[in-house]
PDB file of N, CA and C in Angstrom:
ATOM      1  N   UNK A   1     110.178 102.299  67.483  1.00  0.00           N
ATOM      2  CA  UNK A   1     111.048 101.481  68.150  1.00  0.00           C
ATOM      3  C   UNK A   1     111.290 100.174  67.379  1.00  0.00           C
ATOM      4  N   UNK A   2     112.536  99.841  67.195  1.00  0.00           N
ATOM      5  CA  UNK A   2     112.770  98.719  66.415  1.00  0.00           C
ATOM      6  C   UNK A   2     112.955  97.398  67.240  1.00  0.00           C
ATOM      7  N   UNK A   3     113.082  96.298  66.600  1.00  0.00           N
ATOM      8  CA  UNK A   3     113.135  95.028  67.340  1.00  0.00           C
ATOM      9  C   UNK A   3     114.290  94.930  68.307  1.00  0.00           C
ATOM     10  N   UNK A   4     115.419  95.445  67.979  1.00  0.00           N
ATOM     11  CA  UNK A   4     116.601  95.383  68.926  1.00  0.00           C
ATOM     12  C   UNK A   4     116.330  96.280  70.101  1.00  0.00           C
ATOM     13  N   UNK A   5     115.768  97.408  70.063  1.00  0.00           N
ATOM     14  CA  UNK A   5     115.461  98.206  71.181  1.00  0.00           C
ATOM     15  C   UNK A   5     114.544  97.541  72.126  1.00  0.00           C
ATOM     16  N   UNK A   6     113.474  96.828  71.518  1.00  0.00           N
ATOM     17  CA  UNK A   6     112.521  96.172  72.287  1.00  0.00           C
ATOM     18  C   UNK A   6     113.150  94.978  73.133  1.00  0.00           C
ATOM     19  N   UNK A   7     113.884  94.250  72.413  1.00  0.00           N
ATOM     20  CA  UNK A   7     114.658  93.142  73.035  1.00  0.00           C
ATOM     21  C   UNK A   7     115.633  93.611  74.196  1.00  0.00           C
ATOM     22  N   UNK A   8     116.284  94.718  73.911  1.00  0.00           N
ATOM     23  CA  UNK A   8     117.337  95.174  74.846  1.00  0.00           C
ATOM     24  C   UNK A   8     116.467  95.749  76.151  1.00  0.00           C
ATOM     25  N   UNK A   9     115.366  96.378  75.867  1.00  0.00           N
ATOM     26  CA  UNK A   9     114.582  96.764  77.024  1.00  0.00           C
ATOM     27  C   UNK A   9     114.111  95.656  77.877  1.00  0.00           C
ATOM     28  N   UNK A  10     113.646  94.588  77.179  1.00  0.00           N
ATOM     29  CA  UNK A  10     113.132  93.357  77.867  1.00  0.00           C
ATOM     30  C   UNK A  10     114.266  92.598  78.649  1.00  0.00           C
ATOM     31  N   UNK A  11     115.465  92.683  78.094  1.00  0.00           N
ATOM     32  CA  UNK A  11     116.619  92.065  78.898  1.00  0.00           C
ATOM     33  C   UNK A  11     116.850  92.882  80.063  1.00  0.00           C
ATOM     34  N   UNK A  12     116.839  94.207  80.024  1.00  0.00           N
ATOM     35  CA  UNK A  12     117.081  94.976  81.276  1.00  0.00           C
ATOM     36  C   UNK A  12     115.934  94.759  82.255  1.00  0.00           C
ATOM     37  N   UNK A  13     114.767  94.699  81.730  1.00  0.00           N
ATOM     38  CA  UNK A  13     113.591  94.500  82.705  1.00  0.00           C
ATOM     39  C   UNK A  13     113.715  93.099  83.274  1.00  0.00           C
ATOM     40  N   UNK A  14     114.067  92.008  82.642  1.00  0.00           N
ATOM     41  CA  UNK A  14     114.052  90.691  83.054  1.00  0.00           C
ATOM     42  C   UNK A  14     115.267  90.609  84.123  1.00  0.00           C
ATOM     43  N   UNK A  15     116.273  91.318  84.012  1.00  0.00           N
ATOM     44  CA  UNK A  15     117.276  91.175  85.056  1.00  0.00           C
ATOM     45  C   UNK A  15     116.837  91.456  86.467  1.00  0.00           C
ATOM     46  N   UNK A  16     115.940  92.459  86.556  1.00  0.00           N
ATOM     47  CA  UNK A  16     115.536  92.899  87.913  1.00  0.00           C
ATOM     48  C   UNK A  16     114.158  92.364  88.322  1.00  0.00           C
ATOM     49  N   UNK A  17     113.469  91.723  87.481  1.00  0.00           N
ATOM     50  CA  UNK A  17     112.208  91.161  87.748  1.00  0.00           C
ATOM     51  C   UNK A  17     112.133  89.701  87.574  1.00  0.00           C
ATOM     52  N   UNK A  18     111.183  89.038  88.205  1.00  0.00           N
ATOM     53  CA  UNK A  18     110.897  87.560  87.914  1.00  0.00           C
ATOM     54  C   UNK A  18     109.969  87.523  86.747  1.00  0.00           C
ATOM     55  N   UNK A  19     110.190  86.579  85.917  1.00  0.00           N
ATOM     56  CA  UNK A  19     109.214  86.211  84.862  1.00  0.00           C
ATOM     57  C   UNK A  19     108.075  85.432  85.452  1.00  0.00           C
ATOM     58  N   UNK A  20     107.117  85.173  84.550  1.00  0.00           N
ATOM     59  CA  UNK A  20     105.844  84.394  85.055  1.00  0.00           C
ATOM     60  C   UNK A  20     106.260  83.006  85.680  1.00  0.00           C
ATOM     61  N   UNK A  21     106.986  82.403  84.989  1.00  0.00           N
ATOM     62  CA  UNK A  21     107.484  80.985  85.465  1.00  0.00           C
ATOM     63  C   UNK A  21     108.201  81.162  86.872  1.00  0.00           C
ATOM     64  N   UNK A  22     109.118  82.066  86.927  1.00  0.00           N
ATOM     65  CA  UNK A  22     109.803  82.259  88.182  1.00  0.00           C
ATOM     66  C   UNK A  22     108.837  82.638  89.324  1.00  0.00           C
ATOM     67  N   UNK A  23     107.917  83.528  88.997  1.00  0.00           N
ATOM     68  CA  UNK A  23     106.944  83.979  90.002  1.00  0.00           C
ATOM     69  C   UNK A  23     106.014  82.877  90.443  1.00  0.00           C
ATOM     70  N   UNK A  24     105.631  81.966  89.589  1.00  0.00           N
ATOM     71  CA  UNK A  24     104.815  80.778  89.898  1.00  0.00           C
ATOM     72  C   UNK A  24     105.594  79.878  90.743  1.00  0.00           C
ATOM     73  N   UNK A  25     106.866  79.612  90.443  1.00  0.00           N
ATOM     74  CA  UNK A  25     107.669  78.728  91.342  1.00  0.00           C
ATOM     75  C   UNK A  25     107.882  79.399  92.743  1.00  0.00           C
ATOM     76  N   UNK A  26     108.019  80.648  92.777  1.00  0.00           N
ATOM     77  CA  UNK A  26     108.286  81.350  94.018  1.00  0.00           C
ATOM     78  C   UNK A  26     107.000  81.201  94.802  1.00  0.00           C
ATOM     79  N   UNK A  27     105.858  81.447  94.249  1.00  0.00           N
ATOM     80  CA  UNK A  27     104.521  81.292  95.064  1.00  0.00           C
ATOM     81  C   UNK A  27     104.216  79.924  95.420  1.00  0.00           C
ATOM     82  N   UNK A  28     104.455  78.970  94.555  1.00  0.00           N
ATOM     83  CA  UNK A  28     104.260  77.555  94.921  1.00  0.00           C
ATOM     84  C   UNK A  28     105.266  77.093  96.002  1.00  0.00           C
ATOM     85  N   UNK A  29     106.395  77.600  96.063  1.00  0.00           N
ATOM     86  CA  UNK A  29     107.440  77.217  97.066  1.00  0.00           C
ATOM     87  C   UNK A  29     106.983  77.664  98.480  1.00  0.00           C
ATOM     88  N   UNK A  30     106.292  78.890  98.564  1.00  0.00           N
ATOM     89  CA  UNK A  30     105.794  79.375  99.698  1.00  0.00           C
ATOM     90  C   UNK A  30     104.584  78.617 100.179  1.00  0.00           C
ATOM     91  N   UNK A  31     103.689  78.175  99.258  1.00  0.00           N
ATOM     92  CA  UNK A  31     102.606  77.331  99.442  1.00  0.00           C
ATOM     93  C   UNK A  31     103.021  76.059 100.148  1.00  0.00           C
ATOM     94  N   UNK A  32     103.990  75.509  99.543  1.00  0.00           N
ATOM     95  CA  UNK A  32     104.579  74.150  99.984  1.00  0.00           C
ATOM     96  C   UNK A  32     105.117  74.309 101.355  1.00  0.00           C
ATOM     97  N   UNK A  33     105.823  75.318 101.624  1.00  0.00           N
ATOM     98  CA  UNK A  33     106.488  75.644 102.908  1.00  0.00           C
ATOM     99  C   UNK A  33     105.447  75.808 103.905  1.00  0.00           C
ATOM    100  N   UNK A  34     104.301  76.459 103.638  1.00  0.00           N
ATOM    101  CA  UNK A  34     103.200  76.600 104.615  1.00  0.00           C
ATOM    102  C   UNK A  34     102.658  75.278 104.933  1.00  0.00           C
ATOM    103  N   UNK A  35     102.497  74.371 103.949  1.00  0.00           N
ATOM    104  CA  UNK A  35     101.924  72.938 104.290  1.00  0.00           C
ATOM    105  C   UNK A  35     102.871  72.356 105.192  1.00  0.00           C
ATOM    106  N   UNK A  36     104.210  72.403 104.986  1.00  0.00           N
ATOM    107  CA  UNK A  36     105.093  71.684 105.802  1.00  0.00           C
ATOM    108  C   UNK A  36     104.958  72.233 107.267  1.00  0.00           C
ATOM    109  N   UNK A  37     104.931  73.549 107.377  1.00  0.00           N
ATOM    110  CA  UNK A  37     104.769  74.135 108.751  1.00  0.00           C
ATOM    111  C   UNK A  37     103.449  73.690 109.406  1.00  0.00           C
ATOM    112  N   UNK A  38     102.434  73.696 108.611  1.00  0.00           N
ATOM    113  CA  UNK A  38     101.108  73.285 109.202  1.00  0.00           C
ATOM    114  C   UNK A  38     101.128  71.875 109.602  1.00  0.00           C
ATOM    115  N   UNK A  39     101.775  70.921 108.853  1.00  0.00           N
ATOM    116  CA  UNK A  39     101.971  69.556 109.210  1.00  0.00           C
ATOM    117  C   UNK A  39     102.735  69.306 110.492  1.00  0.00           C
ATOM    118  N   UNK A  40     103.796  70.044 110.567  1.00  0.00           N
ATOM    119  CA  UNK A  40     104.720  69.952 111.780  1.00  0.00           C
ATOM    120  C   UNK A  40     103.989  70.518 112.964  1.00  0.00           C
ATOM    121  N   UNK A  41     103.277  71.573 112.852  1.00  0.00           N
ATOM    122  CA  UNK A  41     102.430  72.140 113.978  1.00  0.00           C
ATOM    123  C   UNK A  41     101.453  71.155 114.415  1.00  0.00           C
ATOM    124  N   UNK A  42     100.793  70.453 113.458  1.00  0.00           N
ATOM    125  CA  UNK A  42      99.691  69.427 113.767  1.00  0.00           C
ATOM    126  C   UNK A  42     100.352  68.252 114.564  1.00  0.00           C
ATOM    127  N   UNK A  43     101.476  67.803 114.029  1.00  0.00           N
ATOM    128  CA  UNK A  43     102.275  66.688 114.697  1.00  0.00           C
ATOM    129  C   UNK A  43     102.564  67.047 116.149  1.00  0.00           C
ATOM    130  N   UNK A  44     103.259  68.293 116.256  1.00  0.00           N
ATOM    131  CA  UNK A  44     103.567  68.616 117.631  1.00  0.00           C
ATOM    132  C   UNK A  44     102.396  68.865 118.591  1.00  0.00           C
ATOM    133  N   UNK A  45     101.319  69.382 118.025  1.00  0.00           N
ATOM    134  CA  UNK A  45     100.140  69.641 118.796  1.00  0.00           C
ATOM    135  C   UNK A  45      99.556  68.336 119.251  1.00  0.00           C
ATOM    136  N   UNK A  46      99.381  67.295 118.347  1.00  0.00           N
ATOM    137  CA  UNK A  46      98.931  66.097 118.729  1.00  0.00           C
ATOM    138  C   UNK A  46      99.814  65.454 119.826  1.00  0.00           C
ATOM    139  N   UNK A  47     101.075  65.410 119.716  1.00  0.00           N
ATOM    140  CA  UNK A  47     101.987  64.991 120.625  1.00  0.00           C
ATOM    141  C   UNK A  47     101.818  65.492 122.007  1.00  0.00           C
ATOM    142  N   UNK A  48     101.692  66.917 121.999  1.00  0.00           N
ATOM    143  CA  UNK A  48     101.421  67.553 123.262  1.00  0.00           C
ATOM    144  C   UNK A  48     100.153  67.218 123.870  1.00  0.00           C
ATOM    145  N   UNK A  49      99.122  67.186 123.067  1.00  0.00           N
ATOM    146  CA  UNK A  49      97.753  66.807 123.521  1.00  0.00           C
ATOM    147  C   UNK A  49      97.705  65.433 124.185  1.00  0.00           C
ATOM    148  N   UNK A  50      98.369  64.477 123.524  1.00  0.00           N
ATOM    149  CA  UNK A  50      98.367  63.157 124.091  1.00  0.00           C
ATOM    150  C   UNK A  50      99.158  63.048 125.473  1.00  0.00           C
ATOM    151  N   UNK A  51     100.044  63.941 125.594  1.00  0.00           N
ATOM    152  CA  UNK A  51     100.869  64.049 126.841  1.00  0.00           C
ATOM    153  C   UNK A  51     100.197  64.944 127.804  1.00  0.00           C
ATOM    154  N   UNK A  52      99.002  65.431 127.486  1.00  0.00           N
ATOM    155  CA  UNK A  52      98.157  66.360 128.488  1.00  0.00           C
ATOM    156  C   UNK A  52      98.938  67.689 128.663  1.00  0.00           C
ATOM    157  N   UNK A  53      99.512  68.200 127.659  1.00  0.00           N
ATOM    158  CA  UNK A  53     100.229  69.484 127.650  1.00  0.00           C
ATOM    159  C   UNK A  53      99.534  70.501 126.766  1.00  0.00           C
ATOM    160  N   UNK A  54      99.745  71.761 127.102  1.00  0.00           N
ATOM    161  CA  UNK A  54      99.091  72.811 126.299  1.00  0.00           C
ATOM    162  C   UNK A  54      99.751  72.944 125.008  1.00  0.00           C
ATOM    163  N   UNK A  55      99.055  73.282 123.860  1.00  0.00           N
ATOM    164  CA  UNK A  55      99.717  73.310 122.609  1.00  0.00           C
ATOM    165  C   UNK A  55      99.291  74.720 121.884  1.00  0.00           C
ATOM    166  N   UNK A  56      98.995  75.674 122.663  1.00  0.00           N
ATOM    167  CA  UNK A  56      98.485  77.003 122.195  1.00  0.00           C
ATOM    168  C   UNK A  56      99.438  77.647 121.204  1.00  0.00           C
ATOM    169  N   UNK A  57     100.697  77.469 121.400  1.00  0.00           N
ATOM    170  CA  UNK A  57     101.747  78.092 120.441  1.00  0.00           C
ATOM    171  C   UNK A  57     101.518  77.744 119.009  1.00  0.00           C
ATOM    172  N   UNK A  58     101.345  76.401 118.807  1.00  0.00           N
ATOM    173  CA  UNK A  58     101.186  75.868 117.526  1.00  0.00           C
ATOM    174  C   UNK A  58      99.922  76.201 116.827  1.00  0.00           C
ATOM    175  N   UNK A  59      98.881  76.285 117.624  1.00  0.00           N
ATOM    176  CA  UNK A  59      97.553  76.848 117.066  1.00  0.00           C
ATOM    177  C   UNK A  59      97.709  78.265 116.656  1.00  0.00           C
ATOM    178  N   UNK A  60      98.345  79.024 117.489  1.00  0.00           N
ATOM    179  CA  UNK A  60      98.621  80.462 117.238  1.00  0.00           C
ATOM    180  C   UNK A  60      99.466  80.653 115.868  1.00  0.00           C
ATOM    181  N   UNK A  61     100.379  79.816 115.754  1.00  0.00           N
ATOM    182  CA  UNK A  61     101.289  79.937 114.453  1.00  0.00           C
ATOM    183  C   UNK A  61     100.359  79.726 113.247  1.00  0.00           C
ATOM    184  N   UNK A  62      99.666  78.589 113.279  1.00  0.00           N
ATOM    185  CA  UNK A  62      98.806  78.261 112.124  1.00  0.00           C
ATOM    186  C   UNK A  62      97.680  79.302 111.992  1.00  0.00           C
ATOM    187  N   UNK A  63      96.935  79.698 112.901  1.00  0.00           N
ATOM    188  CA  UNK A  63      95.930  80.704 112.703  1.00  0.00           C
ATOM    189  C   UNK A  63      96.535  82.046 112.356  1.00  0.00           C
ATOM    190  N   UNK A  64      97.685  82.321 112.931  1.00  0.00           N
ATOM    191  CA  UNK A  64      98.309  83.543 112.424  1.00  0.00           C
ATOM    192  C   UNK A  64      98.712  83.626 110.922  1.00  0.00           C
ATOM    193  N   UNK A  65      99.137  82.499 110.472  1.00  0.00           N
ATOM    194  CA  UNK A  65      99.468  82.302 109.089  1.00  0.00           C
ATOM    195  C   UNK A  65      98.177  82.452 108.177  1.00  0.00           C
ATOM    196  N   UNK A  66      97.218  81.720 108.608  1.00  0.00           N
ATOM    197  CA  UNK A  66      95.847  81.778 107.894  1.00  0.00           C
ATOM    198  C   UNK A  66      95.294  83.172 107.908  1.00  0.00           C
ATOM    199  N   UNK A  67      95.323  83.863 109.064  1.00  0.00           N
ATOM    200  CA  UNK A  67      94.814  85.290 109.152  1.00  0.00           C
ATOM    201  C   UNK A  67      95.520  86.166 108.122  1.00  0.00           C
ATOM    202  N   UNK A  68      96.798  86.057 108.018  1.00  0.00           N
ATOM    203  CA  UNK A  68      97.605  86.868 107.115  1.00  0.00           C
ATOM    204  C   UNK A  68      97.257  86.615 105.709  1.00  0.00           C
ATOM    205  N   UNK A  69      97.092  85.301 105.425  1.00  0.00           N
ATOM    206  CA  UNK A  69      96.734  84.847 103.957  1.00  0.00           C
ATOM    207  C   UNK A  69      95.375  85.382 103.698  1.00  0.00           C
ATOM    208  N   UNK A  70      94.380  85.247 104.602  1.00  0.00           N
ATOM    209  CA  UNK A  70      92.982  85.679 104.394  1.00  0.00           C
ATOM    210  C   UNK A  70      92.986  87.205 104.119  1.00  0.00           C
ATOM    211  N   UNK A  71      93.669  87.944 104.935  1.00  0.00           N
ATOM    212  CA  UNK A  71      93.592  89.343 104.907  1.00  0.00           C
ATOM    213  C   UNK A  71      94.275  89.880 103.666  1.00  0.00           C
ATOM    214  N   UNK A  72      95.342  89.175 103.207  1.00  0.00           N
ATOM    215  CA  UNK A  72      95.991  89.595 101.986  1.00  0.00           C
ATOM    216  C   UNK A  72      94.972  89.424 100.799  1.00  0.00           C
ATOM    217  N   UNK A  73      94.256  88.158 100.807  1.00  0.00           N
ATOM    218  CA  UNK A  73      93.371  87.859  99.702  1.00  0.00           C
ATOM    219  C   UNK A  73      92.257  88.923  99.761  1.00  0.00           C
ATOM    220  N   UNK A  74      91.784  89.291 100.922  1.00  0.00           N
ATOM    221  CA  UNK A  74      90.638  90.270 101.047  1.00  0.00           C
ATOM    222  C   UNK A  74      91.170  91.599 100.409  1.00  0.00           C
ATOM    223  N   UNK A  75      92.394  92.078 100.847  1.00  0.00           N
ATOM    224  CA  UNK A  75      92.965  93.314 100.397  1.00  0.00           C
ATOM    225  C   UNK A  75      93.001  93.405  98.833  1.00  0.00           C
ATOM    226  N   UNK A  76      93.270  92.256  98.046  1.00  0.00           N
ATOM    227  CA  UNK A  76      93.470  92.296  96.741  1.00  0.00           C
ATOM    228  C   UNK A  76      92.223  91.914  95.964  1.00  0.00           C
ATOM    229  N   UNK A  77      91.431  90.985  96.525  1.00  0.00           N
ATOM    230  CA  UNK A  77      90.118  90.561  95.870  1.00  0.00           C
ATOM    231  C   UNK A  77      88.866  91.289  96.364  1.00  0.00           C
ATOM    232  N   UNK A  78      88.933  91.879  97.493  1.00  0.00           N
ATOM    233  CA  UNK A  78      87.782  92.658  97.972  1.00  0.00           C
ATOM    234  C   UNK A  78      86.578  91.670  98.146  1.00  0.00           C
ATOM    235  N   UNK A  79      86.791  90.423  98.677  1.00  0.00           N
ATOM    236  CA  UNK A  79      85.678  89.480  98.854  1.00  0.00           C
ATOM    237  C   UNK A  79      85.458  89.375 100.389  1.00  0.00           C
ATOM    238  N   UNK A  80      84.113  89.510 100.746  1.00  0.00           N
ATOM    239  CA  UNK A  80      83.897  89.623 102.175  1.00  0.00           C
ATOM    240  C   UNK A  80      84.175  88.189 102.855  1.00  0.00           C
ATOM    241  N   UNK A  81      83.939  87.076 102.294  1.00  0.00           N
ATOM    242  CA  UNK A  81      84.353  85.818 103.026  1.00  0.00           C
ATOM    243  C   UNK A  81      85.787  85.858 103.476  1.00  0.00           C
ATOM    244  N   UNK A  82      86.615  86.428 102.630  1.00  0.00           N
ATOM    245  CA  UNK A  82      88.228  86.469 103.168  1.00  0.00           C
ATOM    246  C   UNK A  82      88.203  87.343 104.279  1.00  0.00           C
ATOM    247  N   UNK A  83      87.599  88.421 104.354  1.00  0.00           N
ATOM    248  CA  UNK A  83      87.570  89.321 105.483  1.00  0.00           C
ATOM    249  C   UNK A  83      87.046  88.572 106.772  1.00  0.00           C
ATOM    250  N   UNK A  84      85.974  87.913 106.636  1.00  0.00           N
ATOM    251  CA  UNK A  84      85.383  87.162 107.816  1.00  0.00           C
ATOM    252  C   UNK A  84      86.341  86.112 108.253  1.00  0.00           C
ATOM    253  N   UNK A  85      86.907  85.374 107.353  1.00  0.00           N
ATOM    254  CA  UNK A  85      87.873  84.378 107.636  1.00  0.00           C
ATOM    255  C   UNK A  85      88.991  84.901 108.350  1.00  0.00           C
ATOM    256  N   UNK A  86      89.516  86.119 107.774  1.00  0.00           N
ATOM    257  CA  UNK A  86      90.717  86.810 108.380  1.00  0.00           C
ATOM    258  C   UNK A  86      90.432  87.202 109.798  1.00  0.00           C
ATOM    259  N   UNK A  87      89.268  87.729 110.072  1.00  0.00           N
ATOM    260  CA  UNK A  87      88.848  88.142 111.496  1.00  0.00           C
ATOM    261  C   UNK A  87      88.797  86.974 112.372  1.00  0.00           C
ATOM    262  N   UNK A  88      88.095  85.981 111.985  1.00  0.00           N
ATOM    263  CA  UNK A  88      88.000  84.808 112.748  1.00  0.00           C
ATOM    264  C   UNK A  88      89.335  84.123 113.163  1.00  0.00           C
ATOM    265  N   UNK A  89      90.167  83.960 112.136  1.00  0.00           N
ATOM    266  CA  UNK A  89      91.481  83.296 112.356  1.00  0.00           C
ATOM    267  C   UNK A  89      92.431  84.208 113.090  1.00  0.00           C
ATOM    268  N   UNK A  90      92.264  85.567 112.866  1.00  0.00           N
ATOM    269  CA  UNK A  90      93.083  86.503 113.682  1.00  0.00           C
ATOM    270  C   UNK A  90      92.717  86.471 115.151  1.00  0.00           C
ATOM    271  N   UNK A  91      91.379  86.405 115.402  1.00  0.00           N
ATOM    272  CA  UNK A  91      90.912  86.309 116.758  1.00  0.00           C
ATOM    273  C   UNK A  91      91.368  85.078 117.506  1.00  0.00           C
ATOM    274  N   UNK A  92      91.380  84.030 116.730  1.00  0.00           N
ATOM    275  CA  UNK A  92      91.775  82.733 117.248  1.00  0.00           C
ATOM    276  C   UNK A  92      93.403  82.819 117.601  1.00  0.00           C
ATOM    277  N   UNK A  93      94.044  83.414 116.691  1.00  0.00           N
ATOM    278  CA  UNK A  93      95.520  83.524 116.906  1.00  0.00           C
ATOM    279  C   UNK A  93      95.873  84.362 118.125  1.00  0.00           C
ATOM    280  N   UNK A  94      95.235  85.484 118.210  1.00  0.00           N
ATOM    281  CA  UNK A  94      95.370  86.328 119.315  1.00  0.00           C
ATOM    282  C   UNK A  94      94.888  85.656 120.623  1.00  0.00           C
ATOM    283  N   UNK A  95      93.863  85.114 120.657  1.00  0.00           N
ATOM    284  CA  UNK A  95      93.414  84.262 121.782  1.00  0.00           C
ATOM    285  C   UNK A  95      94.337  83.227 122.250  1.00  0.00           C
ATOM    286  N   UNK A  96      94.816  82.450 121.260  1.00  0.00           N
ATOM    287  CA  UNK A  96      95.824  81.380 121.611  1.00  0.00           C
ATOM    288  C   UNK A  96      97.210  82.018 122.181  1.00  0.00           C
ATOM    289  N   UNK A  97      97.474  83.149 121.596  1.00  0.00           N
ATOM    290  CA  UNK A  97      98.729  83.813 122.056  1.00  0.00           C
ATOM    291  C   UNK A  97      98.594  84.262 123.498  1.00  0.00           C
ATOM    292  N   UNK A  98      97.460  84.752 123.873  1.00  0.00           N
ATOM    293  CA  UNK A  98      97.082  85.197 125.223  1.00  0.00           C
ATOM    294  C   UNK A  98      97.206  83.897 126.164  1.00  0.00           C
ATOM    295  N   UNK A  99      96.572  82.843 125.731  1.00  0.00           N
ATOM    296  CA  UNK A  99      96.443  81.624 126.543  1.00  0.00           C
ATOM    297  C   UNK A  99      97.906  81.034 126.618  1.00  0.00           C
ATOM    298  N   UNK A 100      98.689  81.128 125.701  1.00  0.00           N
ATOM    299  CA  UNK A 100     100.068  80.693 125.703  1.00  0.00           C
ATOM    300  C   UNK A 100     100.902  81.191 126.849  1.00  0.00           C
ATOM    301  N   UNK A 101     100.639  82.647 127.042  1.00  0.00           N
ATOM    302  CA  UNK A 101     101.450  83.329 128.031  1.00  0.00           C
ATOM    303  C   UNK A 101     100.776  83.226 129.442  1.00  0.00           C
ATOM    304  N   UNK A 102      99.522  82.866 129.437  1.00  0.00           N
ATOM    305  CA  UNK A 102      98.774  82.693 130.728  1.00  0.00           C
ATOM    306  C   UNK A 102      98.969  81.356 131.331  1.00  0.00           C
ATOM    307  N   UNK A 103      99.107  80.311 130.545  1.00  0.00           N
ATOM    308  CA  UNK A 103      99.198  78.962 131.039  1.00  0.00           C
ATOM    309  C   UNK A 103     100.640  78.579 131.277  1.00  0.00           C
TER     310      UNK A 103
END
């Protein structure tokens, strides 16, 4: 295989896939988005707590996000602490979801 064929294959591949830089930007953008969602949920939770209102829906959103993150990390890294964290946050998310509908 000569140089031109390799470059042509690389161009075809790059059109359909993200390169390393694009993947990093994509991943960081989701991380930043998660931080913003977390901060907003915290602000809304504090506001509702100050006004003596239930805020289970916000806790459920955050713990559901964390559960998904931990379980994905466990699936790919096979590390038991991620599994434990995923189970704990998943249980909290489910509990808050039930409380949201009951209260």
